[in-house]
């Protein structure tokens, strides 16, 4: 790592008084990044499933004020539309 640090300091015009960075910081950053990524993925999946469930519930909502107006053919059309 020392040769890489020397080359980097020369290319970026970093003063000689600058200390060499520790390698473990990169490992901690990668670990934290991976944790955040997995948390965001889990929250995204949960949100997606919740939105899909709410959508299906809205599609299948029955008008309880007049339950006899819904015909079976209308429910079949709804099902075919959802499957499409």
PDB file of N, CA and C in Angstrom:
ATOM      1  N   UNK A   1       0.835  -1.189   0.000  1.00  0.00           N
ATOM      2  CA  UNK A   1       0.000   0.000   0.000  1.00  0.00           C
ATOM      3  C   UNK A   1       0.872   1.242   0.000  1.00  0.00           C
ATOM      4  N   UNK A   2       2.051   1.148   0.544  1.00  0.00           N
ATOM      5  CA  UNK A   2       2.928   2.320   0.649  1.00  0.00           C
ATOM      6  C   UNK A   2       3.296   2.851  -0.734  1.00  0.00           C
ATOM      7  N   UNK A   3       3.610   1.974  -1.698  1.00  0.00           N
ATOM      8  CA  UNK A   3       3.943   2.413  -3.050  1.00  0.00           C
ATOM      9  C   UNK A   3       2.749   3.092  -3.717  1.00  0.00           C
ATOM     10  N   UNK A   4       1.559   2.550  -3.504  1.00  0.00           N
ATOM     11  CA  UNK A   4       0.359   3.154  -4.072  1.00  0.00           C
ATOM     12  C   UNK A   4       0.109   4.536  -3.466  1.00  0.00           C
ATOM     13  N   UNK A   5       0.341   4.648  -2.160  1.00  0.00           N
ATOM     14  CA  UNK A   5       0.133   5.929  -1.483  1.00  0.00           C
ATOM     15  C   UNK A   5       1.128   6.972  -1.989  1.00  0.00           C
ATOM     16  N   UNK A   6       2.367   6.562  -2.192  1.00  0.00           N
ATOM     17  CA  UNK A   6       3.372   7.493  -2.706  1.00  0.00           C
ATOM     18  C   UNK A   6       3.000   7.965  -4.109  1.00  0.00           C
ATOM     19  N   UNK A   7       2.584   7.053  -4.952  1.00  0.00           N
ATOM     20  CA  UNK A   7       2.191   7.426  -6.316  1.00  0.00           C
ATOM     21  C   UNK A   7       0.973   8.349  -6.292  1.00  0.00           C
ATOM     22  N   UNK A   8       0.026   8.056  -5.428  1.00  0.00           N
ATOM     23  CA  UNK A   8      -1.170   8.890  -5.320  1.00  0.00           C
ATOM     24  C   UNK A   8      -0.806  10.296  -4.847  1.00  0.00           C
ATOM     25  N   UNK A   9       0.079  10.378  -3.856  1.00  0.00           N
ATOM     26  CA  UNK A   9       0.492  11.695  -3.349  1.00  0.00           C
ATOM     27  C   UNK A   9       1.176  12.504  -4.443  1.00  0.00           C
ATOM     28  N   UNK A  10       1.993  11.857  -5.249  1.00  0.00           N
ATOM     29  CA  UNK A  10       2.678  12.576  -6.322  1.00  0.00           C
ATOM     30  C   UNK A  10       1.705  13.056  -7.391  1.00  0.00           C
ATOM     31  N   UNK A  11       0.758  12.198  -7.765  1.00  0.00           N
ATOM     32  CA  UNK A  11      -0.185  12.564  -8.816  1.00  0.00           C
ATOM     33  C   UNK A  11      -1.166  13.651  -8.374  1.00  0.00           C
ATOM     34  N   UNK A  12      -1.586  13.600  -7.146  1.00  0.00           N
ATOM     35  CA  UNK A  12      -2.578  14.549  -6.651  1.00  0.00           C
ATOM     36  C   UNK A  12      -1.950  15.749  -5.934  1.00  0.00           C
ATOM     37  N   UNK A  13      -0.638  15.809  -5.933  1.00  0.00           N
ATOM     38  CA  UNK A  13       0.097  16.918  -5.291  1.00  0.00           C
ATOM     39  C   UNK A  13      -0.268  17.078  -3.818  1.00  0.00           C
ATOM     40  N   UNK A  14      -0.328  15.949  -3.136  1.00  0.00           N
ATOM     41  CA  UNK A  14      -0.622  15.941  -1.704  1.00  0.00           C
ATOM     42  C   UNK A  14       0.689  16.195  -0.966  1.00  0.00           C
ATOM     43  N   UNK A  15       0.698  17.066   0.047  1.00  0.00           N
ATOM     44  CA  UNK A  15       1.944  17.363   0.762  1.00  0.00           C
ATOM     45  C   UNK A  15       2.504  16.130   1.476  1.00  0.00           C
ATOM     46  N   UNK A  16       3.804  16.136   1.701  1.00  0.00           N
ATOM     47  CA  UNK A  16       4.477  15.009   2.363  1.00  0.00           C
ATOM     48  C   UNK A  16       4.039  14.845   3.814  1.00  0.00           C
ATOM     49  N   UNK A  17       3.496  15.905   4.402  1.00  0.00           N
ATOM     50  CA  UNK A  17       3.077  15.825   5.802  1.00  0.00           C
ATOM     51  C   UNK A  17       1.780  15.025   5.978  1.00  0.00           C
ATOM     52  N   UNK A  18       1.077  14.740   4.883  1.00  0.00           N
ATOM     53  CA  UNK A  18      -0.170  13.973   4.964  1.00  0.00           C
ATOM     54  C   UNK A  18       0.150  12.526   5.323  1.00  0.00           C
ATOM     55  N   UNK A  19      -0.649  11.984   6.240  1.00  0.00           N
ATOM     56  CA  UNK A  19      -0.420  10.604   6.670  1.00  0.00           C
ATOM     57  C   UNK A  19      -1.172   9.634   5.755  1.00  0.00           C
ATOM     58  N   UNK A  20      -0.677   8.407   5.708  1.00  0.00           N
ATOM     59  CA  UNK A  20      -1.287   7.378   4.877  1.00  0.00           C
ATOM     60  C   UNK A  20      -2.605   6.921   5.505  1.00  0.00           C
ATOM     61  N   UNK A  21      -3.670   6.833   4.716  1.00  0.00           N
ATOM     62  CA  UNK A  21      -4.956   6.403   5.275  1.00  0.00           C
ATOM     63  C   UNK A  21      -4.919   4.937   5.685  1.00  0.00           C
ATOM     64  N   UNK A  22      -5.721   4.611   6.658  1.00  0.00           N
ATOM     65  CA  UNK A  22      -5.821   3.236   7.148  1.00  0.00           C
ATOM     66  C   UNK A  22      -6.709   2.422   6.207  1.00  0.00           C
ATOM     67  N   UNK A  23      -6.371   1.172   6.005  1.00  0.00           N
ATOM     68  CA  UNK A  23      -7.140   0.287   5.143  1.00  0.00           C
ATOM     69  C   UNK A  23      -8.444  -0.163   5.762  1.00  0.00           C
ATOM     70  N   UNK A  24      -8.543  -0.194   7.086  1.00  0.00           N
ATOM     71  CA  UNK A  24      -9.757  -0.678   7.741  1.00  0.00           C
ATOM     72  C   UNK A  24     -10.920   0.285   7.556  1.00  0.00           C
ATOM     73  N   UNK A  25     -10.654   1.547   7.298  1.00  0.00           N
ATOM     74  CA  UNK A  25     -11.716   2.512   7.079  1.00  0.00           C
ATOM     75  C   UNK A  25     -12.525   2.133   5.830  1.00  0.00           C
ATOM     76  N   UNK A  26     -11.831   1.685   4.811  1.00  0.00           N
ATOM     77  CA  UNK A  26     -12.509   1.251   3.600  1.00  0.00           C
ATOM     78  C   UNK A  26     -13.400   0.055   3.888  1.00  0.00           C
ATOM     79  N   UNK A  27     -12.911  -0.875   4.681  1.00  0.00           N
ATOM     80  CA  UNK A  27     -13.700  -2.054   5.030  1.00  0.00           C
ATOM     81  C   UNK A  27     -14.953  -1.648   5.797  1.00  0.00           C
ATOM     82  N   UNK A  28     -14.813  -0.736   6.749  1.00  0.00           N
ATOM     83  CA  UNK A  28     -15.967  -0.265   7.515  1.00  0.00           C
ATOM     84  C   UNK A  28     -16.970   0.453   6.617  1.00  0.00           C
ATOM     85  N   UNK A  29     -16.475   1.236   5.684  1.00  0.00           N
ATOM     86  CA  UNK A  29     -17.355   1.945   4.758  1.00  0.00           C
ATOM     87  C   UNK A  29     -18.112   0.965   3.878  1.00  0.00           C
ATOM     88  N   UNK A  30     -17.429  -0.050   3.380  1.00  0.00           N
ATOM     89  CA  UNK A  30     -18.098  -1.048   2.549  1.00  0.00           C
ATOM     90  C   UNK A  30     -19.142  -1.827   3.341  1.00  0.00           C
ATOM     91  N   UNK A  31     -18.820  -2.158   4.576  1.00  0.00           N
ATOM     92  CA  UNK A  31     -19.759  -2.883   5.422  1.00  0.00           C
ATOM     93  C   UNK A  31     -20.993  -2.036   5.694  1.00  0.00           C
ATOM     94  N   UNK A  32     -20.785  -0.770   6.037  1.00  0.00           N
ATOM     95  CA  UNK A  32     -21.910   0.130   6.302  1.00  0.00           C
ATOM     96  C   UNK A  32     -22.741   0.332   5.040  1.00  0.00           C
ATOM     97  N   UNK A  33     -22.085   0.453   3.904  1.00  0.00           N
ATOM     98  CA  UNK A  33     -22.797   0.597   2.632  1.00  0.00           C
ATOM     99  C   UNK A  33     -23.645  -0.635   2.348  1.00  0.00           C
ATOM    100  N   UNK A  34     -23.100  -1.801   2.601  1.00  0.00           N
ATOM    101  CA  UNK A  34     -23.846  -3.044   2.368  1.00  0.00           C
ATOM    102  C   UNK A  34     -25.043  -3.146   3.314  1.00  0.00           C
ATOM    103  N   UNK A  35     -24.881  -2.724   4.551  1.00  0.00           N
ATOM    104  CA  UNK A  35     -25.989  -2.757   5.515  1.00  0.00           C
ATOM    105  C   UNK A  35     -27.098  -1.819   5.063  1.00  0.00           C
ATOM    106  N   UNK A  36     -26.729  -0.596   4.675  1.00  0.00           N
ATOM    107  CA  UNK A  36     -27.731   0.365   4.200  1.00  0.00           C
ATOM    108  C   UNK A  36     -28.441  -0.160   2.957  1.00  0.00           C
ATOM    109  N   UNK A  37     -27.688  -0.745   2.036  1.00  0.00           N
ATOM    110  CA  UNK A  37     -28.281  -1.266   0.806  1.00  0.00           C
ATOM    111  C   UNK A  37     -29.284  -2.374   1.120  1.00  0.00           C
ATOM    112  N   UNK A  38     -28.934  -3.279   2.023  1.00  0.00           N
ATOM    113  CA  UNK A  38     -29.859  -4.365   2.352  1.00  0.00           C
ATOM    114  C   UNK A  38     -31.095  -3.835   3.075  1.00  0.00           C
ATOM    115  N   UNK A  39     -30.919  -2.830   3.936  1.00  0.00           N
ATOM    116  CA  UNK A  39     -32.060  -2.224   4.621  1.00  0.00           C
ATOM    117  C   UNK A  39     -32.992  -1.543   3.624  1.00  0.00           C
ATOM    118  N   UNK A  40     -32.428  -0.784   2.703  1.00  0.00           N
ATOM    119  CA  UNK A  40     -33.247  -0.108   1.696  1.00  0.00           C
ATOM    120  C   UNK A  40     -33.954  -1.108   0.787  1.00  0.00           C
ATOM    121  N   UNK A  41     -33.276  -2.189   0.437  1.00  0.00           N
ATOM    122  CA  UNK A  41     -33.919  -3.229  -0.382  1.00  0.00           C
ATOM    123  C   UNK A  41     -35.094  -3.860   0.356  1.00  0.00           C
ATOM    124  N   UNK A  42     -34.919  -4.139   1.644  1.00  0.00           N
ATOM    125  CA  UNK A  42     -35.995  -4.734   2.429  1.00  0.00           C
ATOM    126  C   UNK A  42     -37.184  -3.784   2.531  1.00  0.00           C
ATOM    127  N   UNK A  43     -36.910  -2.507   2.774  1.00  0.00           N
ATOM    128  CA  UNK A  43     -37.998  -1.530   2.869  1.00  0.00           C
ATOM    129  C   UNK A  43     -38.700  -1.343   1.530  1.00  0.00           C
ATOM    130  N   UNK A  44     -37.945  -1.379   0.457  1.00  0.00           N
ATOM    131  CA  UNK A  44     -38.543  -1.251  -0.870  1.00  0.00           C
ATOM    132  C   UNK A  44     -39.445  -2.431  -1.174  1.00  0.00           C
ATOM    133  N   UNK A  45     -38.991  -3.638  -0.868  1.00  0.00           N
ATOM    134  CA  UNK A  45     -39.815  -4.829  -1.099  1.00  0.00           C
ATOM    135  C   UNK A  45     -41.095  -4.787  -0.266  1.00  0.00           C
ATOM    136  N   UNK A  46     -40.964  -4.371   0.995  1.00  0.00           N
ATOM    137  CA  UNK A  46     -42.137  -4.285   1.864  1.00  0.00           C
ATOM    138  C   UNK A  46     -43.132  -3.268   1.307  1.00  0.00           C
ATOM    139  N   UNK A  47     -42.634  -2.122   0.865  1.00  0.00           N
ATOM    140  CA  UNK A  47     -43.501  -1.091   0.307  1.00  0.00           C
ATOM    141  C   UNK A  47     -44.182  -1.594  -0.966  1.00  0.00           C
ATOM    142  N   UNK A  48     -43.446  -2.286  -1.814  1.00  0.00           N
ATOM    143  CA  UNK A  48     -43.998  -2.821  -3.058  1.00  0.00           C
ATOM    144  C   UNK A  48     -45.137  -3.801  -2.772  1.00  0.00           C
ATOM    145  N   UNK A  49     -44.917  -4.730  -1.837  1.00  0.00           N
ATOM    146  CA  UNK A  49     -45.943  -5.723  -1.525  1.00  0.00           C
ATOM    147  C   UNK A  49     -47.169  -5.072  -0.880  1.00  0.00           C
ATOM    148  N   UNK A  50     -46.922  -4.078  -0.043  1.00  0.00           N
ATOM    149  CA  UNK A  50     -48.037  -3.380   0.596  1.00  0.00           C
ATOM    150  C   UNK A  50     -48.868  -2.622  -0.443  1.00  0.00           C
ATOM    151  N   UNK A  51     -48.209  -1.950  -1.373  1.00  0.00           N
ATOM    152  CA  UNK A  51     -48.926  -1.224  -2.417  1.00  0.00           C
ATOM    153  C   UNK A  51     -49.715  -2.180  -3.302  1.00  0.00           C
ATOM    154  N   UNK A  52     -49.136  -3.319  -3.635  1.00  0.00           N
ATOM    155  CA  UNK A  52     -49.827  -4.301  -4.469  1.00  0.00           C
ATOM    156  C   UNK A  52     -51.051  -4.856  -3.753  1.00  0.00           C
ATOM    157  N   UNK A  53     -50.905  -5.135  -2.458  1.00  0.00           N
ATOM    158  CA  UNK A  53     -52.033  -5.657  -1.684  1.00  0.00           C
ATOM    159  C   UNK A  53     -53.157  -4.624  -1.623  1.00  0.00           C
ATOM    160  N   UNK A  54     -52.812  -3.366  -1.364  1.00  0.00           N
ATOM    161  CA  UNK A  54     -53.831  -2.318  -1.312  1.00  0.00           C
ATOM    162  C   UNK A  54     -54.508  -2.135  -2.667  1.00  0.00           C
ATOM    163  N   UNK A  55     -53.751  -2.270  -3.743  1.00  0.00           N
ATOM    164  CA  UNK A  55     -54.329  -2.159  -5.082  1.00  0.00           C
ATOM    165  C   UNK A  55     -55.355  -3.264  -5.321  1.00  0.00           C
ATOM    166  N   UNK A  56     -55.008  -4.491  -4.971  1.00  0.00           N
ATOM    167  CA  UNK A  56     -55.942  -5.599  -5.150  1.00  0.00           C
ATOM    168  C   UNK A  56     -57.180  -5.416  -4.279  1.00  0.00           C
ATOM    169  N   UNK A  57     -56.997  -4.914  -3.069  1.00  0.00           N
ATOM    170  CA  UNK A  57     -58.157  -4.684  -2.198  1.00  0.00           C
ATOM    171  C   UNK A  57     -59.078  -3.619  -2.787  1.00  0.00           C
ATOM    172  N   UNK A  58     -58.499  -2.580  -3.364  1.00  0.00           N
ATOM    173  CA  UNK A  58     -59.323  -1.547  -3.998  1.00  0.00           C
ATOM    174  C   UNK A  58     -60.054  -2.108  -5.218  1.00  0.00           C
ATOM    175  N   UNK A  59     -59.383  -2.968  -5.971  1.00  0.00           N
ATOM    176  CA  UNK A  59     -60.013  -3.530  -7.162  1.00  0.00           C
ATOM    177  C   UNK A  59     -61.175  -4.453  -6.808  1.00  0.00           C
ATOM    178  N   UNK A  60     -61.055  -5.140  -5.706  1.00  0.00           N
ATOM    179  CA  UNK A  60     -62.094  -6.097  -5.327  1.00  0.00           C
ATOM    180  C   UNK A  60     -63.097  -5.528  -4.330  1.00  0.00           C
ATOM    181  N   UNK A  61     -63.029  -4.213  -4.085  1.00  0.00           N
ATOM    182  CA  UNK A  61     -63.951  -3.599  -3.125  1.00  0.00           C
ATOM    183  C   UNK A  61     -65.389  -3.728  -3.627  1.00  0.00           C
ATOM    184  N   UNK A  62     -66.242  -4.061  -2.720  1.00  0.00           N
ATOM    185  CA  UNK A  62     -67.652  -4.247  -3.065  1.00  0.00           C
ATOM    186  C   UNK A  62     -68.431  -3.063  -2.534  1.00  0.00           C
ATOM    187  N   UNK A  63     -69.371  -2.623  -3.319  1.00  0.00           N
ATOM    188  CA  UNK A  63     -70.259  -1.551  -2.878  1.00  0.00           C
ATOM    189  C   UNK A  63     -71.294  -2.168  -1.944  1.00  0.00           C
ATOM    190  N   UNK A  64     -71.126  -1.969  -0.642  1.00  0.00           N
ATOM    191  CA  UNK A  64     -72.014  -2.593   0.334  1.00  0.00           C
ATOM    192  C   UNK A  64     -73.381  -1.926   0.390  1.00  0.00           C
ATOM    193  N   UNK A  65     -73.525  -0.750  -0.182  1.00  0.00           N
ATOM    194  CA  UNK A  65     -74.820  -0.087  -0.186  1.00  0.00           C
ATOM    195  C   UNK A  65     -75.795  -0.787  -1.133  1.00  0.00           C
ATOM    196  N   UNK A  66     -75.272  -1.365  -2.198  1.00  0.00           N
ATOM    197  CA  UNK A  66     -76.125  -2.041  -3.165  1.00  0.00           C
ATOM    198  C   UNK A  66     -75.429  -3.321  -3.645  1.00  0.00           C
ATOM    199  N   UNK A  67     -75.425  -4.370  -2.833  1.00  0.00           N
ATOM    200  CA  UNK A  67     -74.655  -5.571  -3.158  1.00  0.00           C
ATOM    201  C   UNK A  67     -75.223  -6.404  -4.300  1.00  0.00           C
ATOM    202  N   UNK A  68     -76.467  -6.195  -4.661  1.00  0.00           N
ATOM    203  CA  UNK A  68     -77.082  -7.053  -5.670  1.00  0.00           C
ATOM    204  C   UNK A  68     -76.891  -6.533  -7.097  1.00  0.00           C
ATOM    205  N   UNK A  69     -76.255  -5.386  -7.243  1.00  0.00           N
ATOM    206  CA  UNK A  69     -76.055  -4.847  -8.594  1.00  0.00           C
ATOM    207  C   UNK A  69     -74.834  -5.449  -9.269  1.00  0.00           C
ATOM    208  N   UNK A  70     -73.906  -5.986  -8.490  1.00  0.00           N
ATOM    209  CA  UNK A  70     -72.703  -6.581  -9.064  1.00  0.00           C
ATOM    210  C   UNK A  70     -73.041  -7.955  -9.634  1.00  0.00           C
ATOM    211  N   UNK A  71     -72.736  -8.130 -10.888  1.00  0.00           N
ATOM    212  CA  UNK A  71     -73.011  -9.404 -11.530  1.00  0.00           C
ATOM    213  C   UNK A  71     -71.734 -10.234 -11.557  1.00  0.00           C
ATOM    214  N   UNK A  72     -71.903 -11.537 -11.682  1.00  0.00           N
ATOM    215  CA  UNK A  72     -70.751 -12.430 -11.694  1.00  0.00           C
ATOM    216  C   UNK A  72     -69.864 -12.180 -12.907  1.00  0.00           C
ATOM    217  N   UNK A  73     -70.465 -11.772 -14.010  1.00  0.00           N
ATOM    218  CA  UNK A  73     -69.672 -11.513 -15.206  1.00  0.00           C
ATOM    219  C   UNK A  73     -68.764 -10.297 -14.987  1.00  0.00           C
ATOM    220  N   UNK A  74     -69.240  -9.312 -14.198  1.00  0.00           N
ATOM    221  CA  UNK A  74     -68.410  -8.147 -13.887  1.00  0.00           C
ATOM    222  C   UNK A  74     -67.202  -8.554 -13.039  1.00  0.00           C
ATOM    223  N   UNK A  75     -67.401  -9.462 -12.098  1.00  0.00           N
ATOM    224  CA  UNK A  75     -66.288  -9.937 -11.286  1.00  0.00           C
ATOM    225  C   UNK A  75     -65.288 -10.715 -12.138  1.00  0.00           C
ATOM    226  N   UNK A  76     -65.789 -11.475 -13.089  1.00  0.00           N
ATOM    227  CA  UNK A  76     -64.912 -12.204 -13.991  1.00  0.00           C
ATOM    228  C   UNK A  76     -64.105 -11.238 -14.850  1.00  0.00           C
ATOM    229  N   UNK A  77     -64.730 -10.186 -15.320  1.00  0.00           N
ATOM    230  CA  UNK A  77     -64.018  -9.164 -16.109  1.00  0.00           C
ATOM    231  C   UNK A  77     -62.920  -8.510 -15.264  1.00  0.00           C
ATOM    232  N   UNK A  78     -63.238  -8.230 -13.990  1.00  0.00           N
ATOM    233  CA  UNK A  78     -62.233  -7.654 -13.084  1.00  0.00           C
ATOM    234  C   UNK A  78     -61.045  -8.608 -12.937  1.00  0.00           C
ATOM    235  N   UNK A  79     -61.348  -9.879 -12.746  1.00  0.00           N
ATOM    236  CA  UNK A  79     -60.285 -10.874 -12.579  1.00  0.00           C
ATOM    237  C   UNK A  79     -59.416 -10.954 -13.825  1.00  0.00           C
ATOM    238  N   UNK A  80     -60.026 -10.976 -14.998  1.00  0.00           N
ATOM    239  CA  UNK A  80     -59.260 -11.044 -16.230  1.00  0.00           C
ATOM    240  C   UNK A  80     -58.432  -9.778 -16.446  1.00  0.00           C
ATOM    241  N   UNK A  81     -58.973  -8.644 -16.057  1.00  0.00           N
ATOM    242  CA  UNK A  81     -58.216  -7.384 -16.163  1.00  0.00           C
ATOM    243  C   UNK A  81     -57.019  -7.408 -15.242  1.00  0.00           C
ATOM    244  N   UNK A  82     -57.194  -7.896 -14.036  1.00  0.00           N
ATOM    245  CA  UNK A  82     -56.072  -7.977 -13.087  1.00  0.00           C
ATOM    246  C   UNK A  82     -55.008  -8.952 -13.557  1.00  0.00           C
ATOM    247  N   UNK A  83     -55.431 -10.040 -14.172  1.00  0.00           N
ATOM    248  CA  UNK A  83     -54.474 -11.036 -14.634  1.00  0.00           C
ATOM    249  C   UNK A  83     -53.715 -10.558 -15.853  1.00  0.00           C
ATOM    250  N   UNK A  84     -54.301  -9.638 -16.585  1.00  0.00           N
ATOM    251  CA  UNK A  84     -53.644  -9.096 -17.776  1.00  0.00           C
ATOM    252  C   UNK A  84     -52.631  -8.102 -17.335  1.00  0.00           C
TER     253      UNK A  84
END
